[in-house]
Amino acid sequence: MKNRIITYRQRIDALLAHPPDGTDWDAVLHEHLTQVSFFQHERLIHLIVTVTFALLTMMGLAVYCIAEYMPILAMIGLFMILLVPYIGHYYTLENEVQKMYKQYDMMLQNVHKSGGDSHKI
């Protein structure tokens, strides 16, 4: 997913930097909104998973602090091993989707320049 979102965003950056003559900005905008919605859904799912693992880690720490049950440390360690990559992946998704919002704004400007009036600011 990380490669997909970054590749897509870079492709749109290239299109915005050097648009071919006759670019149908309404179609590009529609496709972009579809892709953004896919990535927003992915971001939401990863937020839920990340928060769940963070809560499980904190509950494990609380159990260890209260009961001093040593085997729980292994569980906490496993949760931490998973939590760190989840946070990194969520960070990437969040930042890339934010960049896509800026791309959307630039596309809207191009729609208005090309005479399209189907999208109002």
Foldseek 3Di string as FASTA:
>chain_A
DLVVLVVVLVVLVVCLVPPDPPDPLVVVLVVLVVVLVVLVVVLVVLVVVLVVLVVVLVVLVVCCVVVVPVVSVVVNVVSVVVNVVSVVVSVSSVVSSVSSVVSSVSSVVVCVVVPHDPDDD
